[in-house]
Amino acid sequence: MALKAKILGREALTAKLDQLAPAATKYANAAKLAVAEEAAEKMRDAAPRGATLEYAESIAGDLLKNHPDAKQVGITPTKDPDAAGIFAEWIWNFLEFGTAPHNTAPGGGTALGQATHTAGGGTQHPGTQAQAHIFPTWRSYKKTAKQKIQAAIRKGVREAMNKTGA
């Protein structure tokens, strides 16, 4: 016996799920936020520590709609109105991937900056080693995060099935 499947868009799938199990979306949204907060906590623990701990403490999980000006990194932009994410200070990229040696004069990495450095302007920065803490932490937590969200959806579906008597 062959199974047939119809591909639906996100909006159509969400509408069908809401029709069959209204609580599933509610539980999934709560789980998404909890997963983002837990992932942020794990990333905070793995983050490089400076003298002030300012960067590590800036890592937080929250809903994307609470941060309309934030740019999404590492994924295609989401259409999910209830999506959650991790937010950190702008230097996360430099810490995660490191920096190459460069001149600190304005335009230090450009040909103009190099000419300024040759003429005695600016100083040479030695660069920094990569201190990966965002992506490795997420990769190790991703499976658990997916399981938590799926469990929340199943809870909503089970709840709906018990109410209908099926």
Foldseek 3Di string as FASTA:
>chain_A
DDDDDDDDDPVVVVVVLCVQFVQLVVLLLVLQQVLQQVLQVQLLVLADADPVSQFSVQKGKDFVVVPVPDDDPDDDDDPDNSHMHIDTDPCLVCQQAKFAKFFPDVVTVHPVNVVCVVVPDGDIDHITHHSHRNVVSCVVCVVVSVVSSVVSSVVRNVVSCVVVVD
